[in-house]
Amino acid sequence: ATVYAGGTLVTWMMQLIQQPVVAQDIVPTEAGIALYLIAIPGIVIIGPVMEEIIFRGWMLPAMKQRGMGWIGALLVSSLIFGLLHIFAGPASVAYTFILGLAAGITRMLSGRLWGAVLLHVLNNLMAITLPQIIAPAPV
């Protein structure tokens, strides 16, 4: 339920700022299955776990404890999280900012980190698998 709510929140916020909710082609379709086998552990597991530990496990509570309050801490940590993804372009910054908001709200409401991690893992899994499902690489 937590992950569904977070995913719904991301979709709603992206529609609110009139950005399409589409999978990013993180692993090029023409790369084939070998690159997927290499990319999946890093993009789908290691990256999200480490980012959530840093941004929602450490930074969000630390900023709140330093007097920013939950709203300020949520906005600043999500903005930094979004800017971390600037290499993928402005739309990616906006999307990851909103993903950060959803993960942060999930973390705040549940009091635990696992919901934010699961939301992030599922987001990244969809981002690298949907392009292959929609337009598979030529064999």
N, C-alpha and C. Protein backbone atom coordinates (compact mmCIF):
# COMPACT_ATOMS: atom_id res chain seq x y z
N ALA A 1 0.83 -1.19 0.00
CA ALA A 1 0.00 0.00 0.00
C ALA A 1 0.87 1.25 0.00
N THR A 2 1.97 1.23 0.74
CA THR A 2 2.86 2.39 0.83
C THR A 2 3.47 2.70 -0.53
N VAL A 3 3.94 1.66 -1.23
CA VAL A 3 4.56 1.86 -2.54
C VAL A 3 3.53 2.33 -3.55
N TYR A 4 2.33 1.78 -3.51
CA TYR A 4 1.26 2.19 -4.42
C TYR A 4 0.95 3.67 -4.20
N ALA A 5 0.83 4.07 -2.93
CA ALA A 5 0.53 5.47 -2.61
C ALA A 5 1.65 6.38 -3.10
N GLY A 6 2.90 5.97 -2.92
CA GLY A 6 4.03 6.76 -3.39
C GLY A 6 4.05 6.89 -4.89
N GLY A 7 3.80 5.78 -5.59
CA GLY A 7 3.75 5.80 -7.05
C GLY A 7 2.62 6.68 -7.57
N THR A 8 1.48 6.61 -6.92
CA THR A 8 0.34 7.45 -7.29
C THR A 8 0.67 8.91 -7.07
N LEU A 9 1.35 9.22 -5.96
CA LEU A 9 1.76 10.59 -5.67
C LEU A 9 2.73 11.12 -6.73
N VAL A 10 3.70 10.30 -7.13
CA VAL A 10 4.64 10.72 -8.18
C VAL A 10 3.88 11.02 -9.47
N THR A 11 2.98 10.13 -9.88
CA THR A 11 2.21 10.31 -11.11
C THR A 11 1.36 11.58 -11.04
N TRP A 12 0.67 11.78 -9.92
CA TRP A 12 -0.19 12.95 -9.75
C TRP A 12 0.63 14.23 -9.80
N MET A 13 1.79 14.26 -9.12
CA MET A 13 2.61 15.47 -9.11
C MET A 13 3.18 15.77 -10.50
N MET A 14 3.58 14.74 -11.23
CA MET A 14 4.10 14.95 -12.58
C MET A 14 3.01 15.50 -13.49
N GLN A 15 1.79 15.02 -13.34
CA GLN A 15 0.69 15.53 -14.14
C GLN A 15 0.36 16.97 -13.74
N LEU A 16 0.51 17.28 -12.46
CA LEU A 16 0.25 18.62 -11.96
C LEU A 16 1.18 19.64 -12.59
N ILE A 17 2.46 19.28 -12.78
CA ILE A 17 3.40 20.21 -13.42
C ILE A 17 3.47 19.98 -14.93
N GLN A 18 2.54 19.18 -15.44
CA GLN A 18 2.38 18.91 -16.86
C GLN A 18 3.63 18.30 -17.50
N GLN A 19 4.24 17.36 -16.80
CA GLN A 19 5.35 16.58 -17.34
C GLN A 19 4.83 15.18 -17.61
N PRO A 20 5.14 14.62 -18.76
CA PRO A 20 4.67 13.26 -19.04
C PRO A 20 5.35 12.25 -18.12
N VAL A 21 4.60 11.25 -17.72
CA VAL A 21 5.14 10.17 -16.91
C VAL A 21 5.53 9.06 -17.86
N VAL A 22 6.81 9.05 -18.23
CA VAL A 22 7.31 8.06 -19.18
C VAL A 22 8.56 7.42 -18.62
N ALA A 23 8.82 6.21 -19.05
CA ALA A 23 10.05 5.53 -18.64
C ALA A 23 11.23 6.19 -19.32
N GLN A 24 12.31 6.35 -18.59
CA GLN A 24 13.53 6.90 -19.17
C GLN A 24 14.33 5.75 -19.75
N ASP A 25 14.90 5.98 -20.90
CA ASP A 25 15.69 4.93 -21.54
C ASP A 25 17.11 4.97 -20.96
N ILE A 26 17.26 4.49 -19.72
CA ILE A 26 18.53 4.53 -19.01
C ILE A 26 19.53 3.59 -19.65
N VAL A 27 19.09 2.40 -19.98
CA VAL A 27 19.95 1.43 -20.67
C VAL A 27 19.45 1.39 -22.11
N PRO A 28 20.29 1.79 -23.07
CA PRO A 28 19.84 1.83 -24.47
C PRO A 28 19.29 0.49 -24.94
N THR A 29 18.20 0.54 -25.69
CA THR A 29 17.55 -0.66 -26.19
C THR A 29 18.50 -1.52 -27.01
N GLU A 30 19.35 -0.88 -27.79
CA GLU A 30 20.26 -1.63 -28.65
C GLU A 30 21.40 -2.30 -27.89
N ALA A 31 21.53 -2.03 -26.60
CA ALA A 31 22.62 -2.60 -25.81
C ALA A 31 22.49 -4.10 -25.63
N GLY A 32 21.28 -4.61 -25.67
CA GLY A 32 21.08 -6.05 -25.53
C GLY A 32 21.03 -6.51 -24.08
N ILE A 33 20.83 -7.78 -23.90
CA ILE A 33 20.60 -8.36 -22.58
C ILE A 33 21.83 -8.34 -21.68
N ALA A 34 23.02 -8.42 -22.25
CA ALA A 34 24.24 -8.45 -21.43
C ALA A 34 24.37 -7.20 -20.58
N LEU A 35 24.10 -6.02 -21.18
CA LEU A 35 24.19 -4.78 -20.42
C LEU A 35 23.13 -4.73 -19.33
N TYR A 36 21.96 -5.30 -19.60
CA TYR A 36 20.92 -5.35 -18.58
C TYR A 36 21.37 -6.16 -17.37
N LEU A 37 22.02 -7.26 -17.63
CA LEU A 37 22.48 -8.10 -16.52
C LEU A 37 23.53 -7.39 -15.68
N ILE A 38 24.29 -6.52 -16.30
CA ILE A 38 25.27 -5.73 -15.57
C ILE A 38 24.60 -4.55 -14.88
N ALA A 39 23.67 -3.90 -15.56
CA ALA A 39 23.04 -2.68 -15.06
C ALA A 39 22.05 -2.91 -13.94
N ILE A 40 21.33 -4.01 -13.97
CA ILE A 40 20.25 -4.22 -13.00
C ILE A 40 20.72 -4.12 -11.54
N PRO A 41 21.80 -4.81 -11.16
CA PRO A 41 22.20 -4.68 -9.74
C PRO A 41 22.53 -3.25 -9.33
N GLY A 42 23.20 -2.51 -10.19
CA GLY A 42 23.58 -1.15 -9.84
C GLY A 42 22.43 -0.17 -9.88
N ILE A 43 21.65 -0.21 -10.96
CA ILE A 43 20.57 0.74 -11.16
C ILE A 43 19.34 0.41 -10.33
N VAL A 44 19.05 -0.87 -10.16
CA VAL A 44 17.81 -1.27 -9.50
C VAL A 44 17.97 -1.57 -8.02
N ILE A 45 19.14 -1.99 -7.59
CA ILE A 45 19.28 -2.36 -6.18
C ILE A 45 20.27 -1.45 -5.44
N ILE A 46 21.53 -1.46 -5.87
CA ILE A 46 22.57 -0.76 -5.12
C ILE A 46 22.33 0.75 -5.10
N GLY A 47 22.08 1.34 -6.26
CA GLY A 47 21.84 2.78 -6.34
C GLY A 47 20.69 3.25 -5.48
N PRO A 48 19.48 2.67 -5.64
CA PRO A 48 18.36 3.11 -4.82
C PRO A 48 18.58 2.91 -3.31
N VAL A 49 19.16 1.79 -2.93
CA VAL A 49 19.39 1.54 -1.50
C VAL A 49 20.34 2.60 -0.94
N MET A 50 21.45 2.85 -1.63
CA MET A 50 22.43 3.83 -1.15
C MET A 50 21.84 5.24 -1.15
N GLU A 51 21.13 5.61 -2.20
CA GLU A 51 20.53 6.95 -2.26
C GLU A 51 19.49 7.14 -1.17
N GLU A 52 18.67 6.14 -0.92
CA GLU A 52 17.66 6.26 0.12
C GLU A 52 18.28 6.33 1.52
N ILE A 53 19.34 5.56 1.74
CA ILE A 53 20.03 5.65 3.03
C ILE A 53 20.56 7.07 3.23
N ILE A 54 21.14 7.65 2.19
CA ILE A 54 21.71 8.99 2.30
C ILE A 54 20.62 10.06 2.40
N PHE A 55 19.67 10.07 1.46
CA PHE A 55 18.72 11.17 1.38
C PHE A 55 17.55 11.06 2.35
N ARG A 56 16.94 9.90 2.47
CA ARG A 56 15.79 9.76 3.36
C ARG A 56 16.15 9.15 4.71
N GLY A 57 17.24 8.39 4.76
CA GLY A 57 17.65 7.80 6.03
C GLY A 57 18.48 8.72 6.89
N TRP A 58 19.34 9.52 6.24
CA TRP A 58 20.22 10.40 7.00
C TRP A 58 19.87 11.88 6.81
N MET A 59 19.86 12.38 5.56
CA MET A 59 19.71 13.81 5.31
C MET A 59 18.38 14.37 5.77
N LEU A 60 17.28 13.72 5.46
CA LEU A 60 15.96 14.20 5.82
C LEU A 60 15.81 14.36 7.33
N PRO A 61 16.09 13.32 8.14
CA PRO A 61 15.99 13.51 9.59
C PRO A 61 17.02 14.50 10.15
N ALA A 62 18.22 14.53 9.57
CA ALA A 62 19.26 15.45 10.06
C ALA A 62 18.84 16.90 9.85
N MET A 63 18.29 17.20 8.70
CA MET A 63 17.83 18.56 8.42
C MET A 63 16.66 18.94 9.33
N LYS A 64 15.78 18.00 9.56
CA LYS A 64 14.65 18.25 10.46
C LYS A 64 15.14 18.54 11.87
N GLN A 65 16.10 17.77 12.34
CA GLN A 65 16.65 17.96 13.69
C GLN A 65 17.40 19.28 13.82
N ARG A 66 17.90 19.80 12.72
CA ARG A 66 18.63 21.06 12.76
C ARG A 66 17.70 22.26 12.60
N GLY A 67 16.41 22.04 12.76
CA GLY A 67 15.45 23.13 12.82
C GLY A 67 14.73 23.48 11.54
N MET A 68 14.90 22.70 10.49
CA MET A 68 14.22 23.01 9.23
C MET A 68 12.75 22.59 9.25
N GLY A 69 12.39 21.69 10.15
CA GLY A 69 11.05 21.12 10.12
C GLY A 69 10.94 20.11 9.00
N TRP A 70 9.87 19.32 9.04
CA TRP A 70 9.73 18.26 8.04
C TRP A 70 9.55 18.82 6.62
N ILE A 71 8.77 19.88 6.50
CA ILE A 71 8.49 20.43 5.16
C ILE A 71 9.78 20.98 4.53
N GLY A 72 10.51 21.81 5.26
CA GLY A 72 11.75 22.36 4.73
C GLY A 72 12.76 21.27 4.42
N ALA A 73 12.90 20.32 5.34
CA ALA A 73 13.84 19.21 5.13
C ALA A 73 13.43 18.38 3.92
N LEU A 74 12.14 18.16 3.76
CA LEU A 74 11.63 17.40 2.62
C LEU A 74 11.94 18.11 1.31
N LEU A 75 11.68 19.40 1.27
CA LEU A 75 11.91 20.16 0.04
C LEU A 75 13.40 20.24 -0.32
N VAL A 76 14.24 20.55 0.67
CA VAL A 76 15.67 20.71 0.39
C VAL A 76 16.31 19.38 0.01
N SER A 77 16.02 18.31 0.76
CA SER A 77 16.62 17.02 0.44
C SER A 77 16.13 16.50 -0.92
N SER A 78 14.88 16.76 -1.25
CA SER A 78 14.35 16.34 -2.56
C SER A 78 14.97 17.14 -3.69
N LEU A 79 15.20 18.43 -3.46
CA LEU A 79 15.83 19.26 -4.47
C LEU A 79 17.27 18.80 -4.72
N ILE A 80 18.01 18.53 -3.66
CA ILE A 80 19.38 18.04 -3.81
C ILE A 80 19.37 16.69 -4.53
N PHE A 81 18.43 15.82 -4.18
CA PHE A 81 18.28 14.53 -4.84
C PHE A 81 18.01 14.73 -6.33
N GLY A 82 17.12 15.65 -6.67
CA GLY A 82 16.82 15.93 -8.07
C GLY A 82 18.03 16.46 -8.81
N LEU A 83 18.75 17.39 -8.20
CA LEU A 83 19.93 17.97 -8.84
C LEU A 83 21.04 16.94 -9.03
N LEU A 84 21.07 15.91 -8.21
CA LEU A 84 22.04 14.84 -8.37
C LEU A 84 21.88 14.16 -9.73
N HIS A 85 20.68 14.24 -10.29
CA HIS A 85 20.38 13.58 -11.56
C HIS A 85 20.40 14.55 -12.75
N ILE A 86 21.08 15.68 -12.62
CA ILE A 86 21.13 16.70 -13.67
C ILE A 86 21.75 16.17 -14.96
N PHE A 87 22.60 15.16 -14.85
CA PHE A 87 23.24 14.58 -16.03
C PHE A 87 22.22 14.08 -17.05
N ALA A 88 21.02 13.74 -16.60
CA ALA A 88 20.01 13.20 -17.49
C ALA A 88 19.08 14.28 -18.05
N GLY A 89 19.32 15.53 -17.68
CA GLY A 89 18.54 16.64 -18.23
C GLY A 89 17.52 17.21 -17.25
N PRO A 90 16.93 18.36 -17.62
CA PRO A 90 16.01 19.07 -16.73
C PRO A 90 14.75 18.28 -16.38
N ALA A 91 14.22 17.53 -17.34
CA ALA A 91 13.01 16.73 -17.06
C ALA A 91 13.32 15.68 -16.00
N SER A 92 14.52 15.12 -16.06
CA SER A 92 14.93 14.12 -15.07
C SER A 92 15.07 14.75 -13.68
N VAL A 93 15.58 15.98 -13.63
CA VAL A 93 15.70 16.69 -12.35
C VAL A 93 14.31 16.88 -11.75
N ALA A 94 13.36 17.32 -12.58
CA ALA A 94 11.99 17.53 -12.10
C ALA A 94 11.38 16.21 -11.63
N TYR A 95 11.57 15.16 -12.43
CA TYR A 95 11.01 13.86 -12.07
C TYR A 95 11.61 13.33 -10.78
N THR A 96 12.94 13.39 -10.65
CA THR A 96 13.57 12.84 -9.45
C THR A 96 13.29 13.71 -8.23
N PHE A 97 13.08 15.01 -8.43
CA PHE A 97 12.65 15.86 -7.32
C PHE A 97 11.30 15.38 -6.79
N ILE A 98 10.39 15.11 -7.70
CA ILE A 98 9.06 14.64 -7.30
C ILE A 98 9.14 13.23 -6.70
N LEU A 99 9.98 12.39 -7.28
CA LEU A 99 10.20 11.06 -6.68
C LEU A 99 10.76 11.21 -5.27
N GLY A 100 11.67 12.16 -5.09
CA GLY A 100 12.22 12.43 -3.76
C GLY A 100 11.15 12.89 -2.78
N LEU A 101 10.24 13.74 -3.26
CA LEU A 101 9.13 14.17 -2.39
C LEU A 101 8.28 12.97 -1.98
N ALA A 102 7.94 12.13 -2.96
CA ALA A 102 7.10 10.96 -2.66
C ALA A 102 7.82 10.00 -1.70
N ALA A 103 9.11 9.76 -1.94
CA ALA A 103 9.87 8.87 -1.05
C ALA A 103 10.00 9.49 0.34
N GLY A 104 10.21 10.80 0.39
CA GLY A 104 10.32 11.48 1.68
C GLY A 104 9.01 11.45 2.46
N ILE A 105 7.91 11.68 1.77
CA ILE A 105 6.60 11.61 2.44
C ILE A 105 6.34 10.19 2.92
N THR A 106 6.69 9.21 2.09
CA THR A 106 6.55 7.81 2.49
C THR A 106 7.36 7.54 3.75
N ARG A 107 8.59 8.04 3.78
CA ARG A 107 9.48 7.87 4.95
C ARG A 107 8.89 8.55 6.19
N MET A 108 8.38 9.77 6.01
CA MET A 108 7.84 10.52 7.15
C MET A 108 6.58 9.85 7.70
N LEU A 109 5.70 9.43 6.81
CA LEU A 109 4.43 8.85 7.27
C LEU A 109 4.60 7.48 7.91
N SER A 110 5.52 6.69 7.37
CA SER A 110 5.71 5.34 7.90
C SER A 110 6.70 5.30 9.06
N GLY A 111 7.60 6.29 9.10
CA GLY A 111 8.64 6.28 10.12
C GLY A 111 9.76 5.29 9.81
N ARG A 112 9.68 4.66 8.66
CA ARG A 112 10.68 3.66 8.27
C ARG A 112 11.21 3.97 6.88
N LEU A 113 12.35 3.40 6.58
CA LEU A 113 13.01 3.67 5.32
C LEU A 113 12.61 2.69 4.21
N TRP A 114 12.12 1.50 4.58
CA TRP A 114 11.90 0.44 3.59
C TRP A 114 10.90 0.84 2.51
N GLY A 115 9.88 1.62 2.83
CA GLY A 115 8.89 2.02 1.83
C GLY A 115 9.50 2.92 0.77
N ALA A 116 10.35 3.85 1.20
CA ALA A 116 11.04 4.74 0.27
C ALA A 116 12.00 3.94 -0.62
N VAL A 117 12.70 2.98 -0.02
CA VAL A 117 13.62 2.14 -0.79
C VAL A 117 12.84 1.34 -1.83
N LEU A 118 11.75 0.72 -1.42
CA LEU A 118 10.97 -0.10 -2.34
C LEU A 118 10.38 0.75 -3.48
N LEU A 119 9.89 1.94 -3.15
CA LEU A 119 9.37 2.85 -4.18
C LEU A 119 10.47 3.18 -5.19
N HIS A 120 11.66 3.50 -4.71
CA HIS A 120 12.79 3.86 -5.56
C HIS A 120 13.24 2.66 -6.41
N VAL A 121 13.31 1.49 -5.80
CA VAL A 121 13.70 0.27 -6.53
C VAL A 121 12.71 0.00 -7.67
N LEU A 122 11.42 0.05 -7.37
CA LEU A 122 10.41 -0.21 -8.39
C LEU A 122 10.43 0.84 -9.49
N ASN A 123 10.66 2.09 -9.13
CA ASN A 123 10.78 3.16 -10.12
C ASN A 123 11.92 2.85 -11.09
N ASN A 124 13.08 2.53 -10.55
CA ASN A 124 14.24 2.27 -11.41
C ASN A 124 14.06 0.99 -12.23
N LEU A 125 13.43 -0.02 -11.65
CA LEU A 125 13.17 -1.25 -12.40
C LEU A 125 12.28 -0.96 -13.60
N MET A 126 11.23 -0.19 -13.39
CA MET A 126 10.34 0.16 -14.50
C MET A 126 11.06 1.00 -15.53
N ALA A 127 11.93 1.90 -15.07
CA ALA A 127 12.64 2.80 -16.00
C ALA A 127 13.55 2.04 -16.95
N ILE A 128 14.12 0.93 -16.50
CA ILE A 128 15.00 0.20 -17.42
C ILE A 128 14.32 -0.97 -18.12
N THR A 129 13.17 -1.41 -17.63
CA THR A 129 12.52 -2.54 -18.29
C THR A 129 11.41 -2.11 -19.24
N LEU A 130 10.70 -1.03 -18.95
CA LEU A 130 9.60 -0.62 -19.82
C LEU A 130 10.05 -0.33 -21.25
N PRO A 131 11.17 0.37 -21.45
CA PRO A 131 11.58 0.60 -22.85
C PRO A 131 11.81 -0.72 -23.60
N GLN A 132 12.31 -1.75 -22.93
CA GLN A 132 12.53 -3.04 -23.58
C GLN A 132 11.22 -3.74 -23.90
N ILE A 133 10.23 -3.57 -23.04
CA ILE A 133 8.92 -4.19 -23.28
C ILE A 133 8.19 -3.47 -24.40
N ILE A 134 8.25 -2.13 -24.38
CA ILE A 134 7.54 -1.33 -25.38
C ILE A 134 8.20 -1.44 -26.75
N ALA A 135 9.52 -1.34 -26.80
CA ALA A 135 10.25 -1.41 -28.07
C ALA A 135 11.48 -2.28 -27.88
N PRO A 136 11.32 -3.59 -27.92
CA PRO A 136 12.46 -4.47 -27.71
C PRO A 136 13.55 -4.30 -28.75
N ALA A 137 14.76 -4.59 -28.35
CA ALA A 137 15.90 -4.50 -29.26
C ALA A 137 15.76 -5.52 -30.37
N PRO A 138 16.18 -5.14 -31.57
CA PRO A 138 16.13 -6.12 -32.66
C PRO A 138 17.07 -7.29 -32.37
N VAL A 139 16.63 -8.46 -32.76
CA VAL A 139 17.44 -9.66 -32.50
C VAL A 139 18.41 -9.91 -33.60
